[in-house]
Amino acid sequence: MRASRAAPFIPQDFCDEISEQYAELRDEFYASLEDRKYVSLAEAQKRRMAVDWKDPANAPVRPKVRRVREGKMENQASLHTIHVVVRSARW
């Protein structure tokens, strides 16, 4: 069987409709670029978000689990043993 016969038929009017929708989306996106207000790098650096890392609510979470788990995985008819090691972060 030829590949052209194996692929499903998509009507041309459907393809034209999708193309029109993409053209509308593209035009709307480019129009929205004109409305954007950008600030300078210096202004953005002044307005950056300040995070207090000393506050316990902002401290990173230390994992409480440390274990070795063994599992099996088939890879193209050969069986391999996978050792997965989960370690807590050292900080």
C-alpha atoms as a PDB file:
ATOM      1  CA  MET A   1       0.000   0.000   0.000  1.00  0.00           C
ATOM      2  CA  ARG A   2       1.272   3.431  -0.852  1.00  0.00           C
ATOM      3  CA  ALA A   3       1.843   5.894   1.970  1.00  0.00           C
ATOM      4  CA  SER A   4      -0.484   8.438   0.379  1.00  0.00           C
ATOM      5  CA  ARG A   5      -3.345   5.952   0.635  1.00  0.00           C
ATOM      6  CA  ALA A   6      -2.522   4.996   4.228  1.00  0.00           C
ATOM      7  CA  ALA A   7      -2.858   8.576   5.524  1.00  0.00           C
ATOM      8  CA  PRO A   8      -6.367   9.765   6.358  1.00  0.00           C
ATOM      9  CA  PHE A   9      -7.913  12.345   4.042  1.00  0.00           C
ATOM     10  CA  ILE A  10      -8.224  15.902   5.373  1.00  0.00           C
ATOM     11  CA  PRO A  11     -10.502  18.220   3.384  1.00  0.00           C
ATOM     12  CA  GLN A  12      -8.857  21.344   1.964  1.00  0.00           C
ATOM     13  CA  ASP A  13     -11.500  23.660   3.466  1.00  0.00           C
ATOM     14  CA  PHE A  14     -10.597  22.345   6.939  1.00  0.00           C
ATOM     15  CA  CYS A  15      -6.918  23.129   6.314  1.00  0.00           C
ATOM     16  CA  ASP A  16      -7.845  26.604   5.051  1.00  0.00           C
ATOM     17  CA  GLU A  17      -9.937  27.245   8.163  1.00  0.00           C
ATOM     18  CA  ILE A  18      -7.066  26.232  10.457  1.00  0.00           C
ATOM     19  CA  SER A  19      -4.675  28.461   8.507  1.00  0.00           C
ATOM     20  CA  GLU A  20      -7.036  31.421   8.916  1.00  0.00           C
ATOM     21  CA  GLN A  21      -7.301  30.808  12.665  1.00  0.00           C
ATOM     22  CA  TYR A  22      -3.512  30.706  13.001  1.00  0.00           C
ATOM     23  CA  ALA A  23      -3.207  33.937  10.985  1.00  0.00           C
ATOM     24  CA  GLU A  24      -5.700  35.647  13.325  1.00  0.00           C
ATOM     25  CA  LEU A  25      -3.835  34.418  16.406  1.00  0.00           C
ATOM     26  CA  ARG A  26      -0.534  35.595  14.942  1.00  0.00           C
ATOM     27  CA  ASP A  27      -1.952  39.058  14.171  1.00  0.00           C
ATOM     28  CA  GLU A  28      -3.422  39.372  17.678  1.00  0.00           C
ATOM     29  CA  PHE A  29      -0.092  38.387  19.225  1.00  0.00           C
ATOM     30  CA  TYR A  30       1.884  40.936  17.203  1.00  0.00           C
ATOM     31  CA  ALA A  31      -0.700  43.623  18.022  1.00  0.00           C
ATOM     32  CA  SER A  32      -0.289  42.887  21.741  1.00  0.00           C
ATOM     33  CA  LEU A  33       3.474  43.483  21.470  1.00  0.00           C
ATOM     34  CA  GLU A  34       2.830  47.155  20.672  1.00  0.00           C
ATOM     35  CA  ASP A  35       0.890  47.624  23.934  1.00  0.00           C
ATOM     36  CA  ARG A  36       3.628  46.334  26.223  1.00  0.00           C
ATOM     37  CA  LYS A  37       5.553  48.756  28.397  1.00  0.00           C
ATOM     38  CA  TYR A  38       9.136  47.795  29.132  1.00  0.00           C
ATOM     39  CA  VAL A  39      11.373  49.182  31.869  1.00  0.00           C
ATOM     40  CA  SER A  40      15.137  49.562  31.886  1.00  0.00           C
ATOM     41  CA  LEU A  41      17.388  46.980  33.512  1.00  0.00           C
ATOM     42  CA  ALA A  42      18.262  49.394  36.323  1.00  0.00           C
ATOM     43  CA  GLU A  43      14.558  49.998  37.059  1.00  0.00           C
ATOM     44  CA  ALA A  44      13.822  46.271  37.031  1.00  0.00           C
ATOM     45  CA  GLN A  45      16.700  45.645  39.453  1.00  0.00           C
ATOM     46  CA  LYS A  46      15.311  48.308  41.804  1.00  0.00           C
ATOM     47  CA  ARG A  47      11.853  46.701  41.721  1.00  0.00           C
ATOM     48  CA  ARG A  48      12.997  43.093  42.199  1.00  0.00           C
ATOM     49  CA  MET A  49      11.346  40.943  44.829  1.00  0.00           C
ATOM     50  CA  ALA A  50      13.248  40.851  48.120  1.00  0.00           C
ATOM     51  CA  VAL A  51      13.273  37.454  49.851  1.00  0.00           C
ATOM     52  CA  ASP A  52      14.267  37.150  53.500  1.00  0.00           C
ATOM     53  CA  TRP A  53      16.098  33.796  53.528  1.00  0.00           C
ATOM     54  CA  LYS A  54      16.557  33.995  57.326  1.00  0.00           C
ATOM     55  CA  ASP A  55      12.783  33.647  57.779  1.00  0.00           C
ATOM     56  CA  PRO A  56      11.959  29.959  58.532  1.00  0.00           C
ATOM     57  CA  ALA A  57       8.969  30.081  56.171  1.00  0.00           C
ATOM     58  CA  ASN A  58      11.367  30.673  53.241  1.00  0.00           C
ATOM     59  CA  ALA A  59      13.952  28.041  54.225  1.00  0.00           C
ATOM     60  CA  PRO A  60      14.425  25.132  51.795  1.00  0.00           C
ATOM     61  CA  VAL A  61      12.907  21.816  52.869  1.00  0.00           C
ATOM     62  CA  ARG A  62      15.335  19.044  53.767  1.00  0.00           C
ATOM     63  CA  PRO A  63      14.156  15.609  52.589  1.00  0.00           C
ATOM     64  CA  LYS A  64      13.503  13.212  55.465  1.00  0.00           C
ATOM     65  CA  VAL A  65      13.906  10.015  53.418  1.00  0.00           C
ATOM     66  CA  ARG A  66      17.173   8.288  52.647  1.00  0.00           C
ATOM     67  CA  ARG A  67      16.848   4.854  51.128  1.00  0.00           C
ATOM     68  CA  VAL A  68      18.086   2.508  48.434  1.00  0.00           C
ATOM     69  CA  ARG A  69      15.421   0.939  46.250  1.00  0.00           C
ATOM     70  CA  GLU A  70      15.976  -1.839  43.729  1.00  0.00           C
ATOM     71  CA  GLY A  71      13.772  -2.347  40.706  1.00  0.00           C
ATOM     72  CA  LYS A  72      13.739  -4.239  37.432  1.00  0.00           C
ATOM     73  CA  MET A  73      13.358  -2.750  33.959  1.00  0.00           C
ATOM     74  CA  GLU A  74      13.107  -4.516  30.626  1.00  0.00           C
ATOM     75  CA  ASN A  75      15.130  -2.993  27.846  1.00  0.00           C
ATOM     76  CA  GLN A  76      14.794  -4.708  24.459  1.00  0.00           C
ATOM     77  CA  ALA A  77      14.417  -8.259  25.807  1.00  0.00           C
ATOM     78  CA  SER A  78      17.324  -7.969  28.231  1.00  0.00           C
ATOM     79  CA  LEU A  79      16.666  -7.500  31.924  1.00  0.00           C
ATOM     80  CA  HIS A  80      18.627  -4.870  33.760  1.00  0.00           C
ATOM     81  CA  THR A  81      18.700  -4.147  37.471  1.00  0.00           C
ATOM     82  CA  ILE A  82      18.389  -0.519  38.357  1.00  0.00           C
ATOM     83  CA  HIS A  83      19.605   0.794  41.645  1.00  0.00           C
ATOM     84  CA  VAL A  84      17.954   4.032  42.630  1.00  0.00           C
ATOM     85  CA  VAL A  85      19.572   5.937  45.448  1.00  0.00           C
ATOM     86  CA  VAL A  86      17.670   8.721  47.118  1.00  0.00           C
ATOM     87  CA  ARG A  87      19.875  10.829  49.347  1.00  0.00           C
ATOM     88  CA  SER A  88      19.049  13.810  51.454  1.00  0.00           C
ATOM     89  CA  ALA A  89      20.597  17.060  50.364  1.00  0.00           C
ATOM     90  CA  ARG A  90      23.626  18.213  52.293  1.00  0.00           C
ATOM     91  CA  TRP A  91      23.109  21.790  53.269  1.00  0.00           C
END
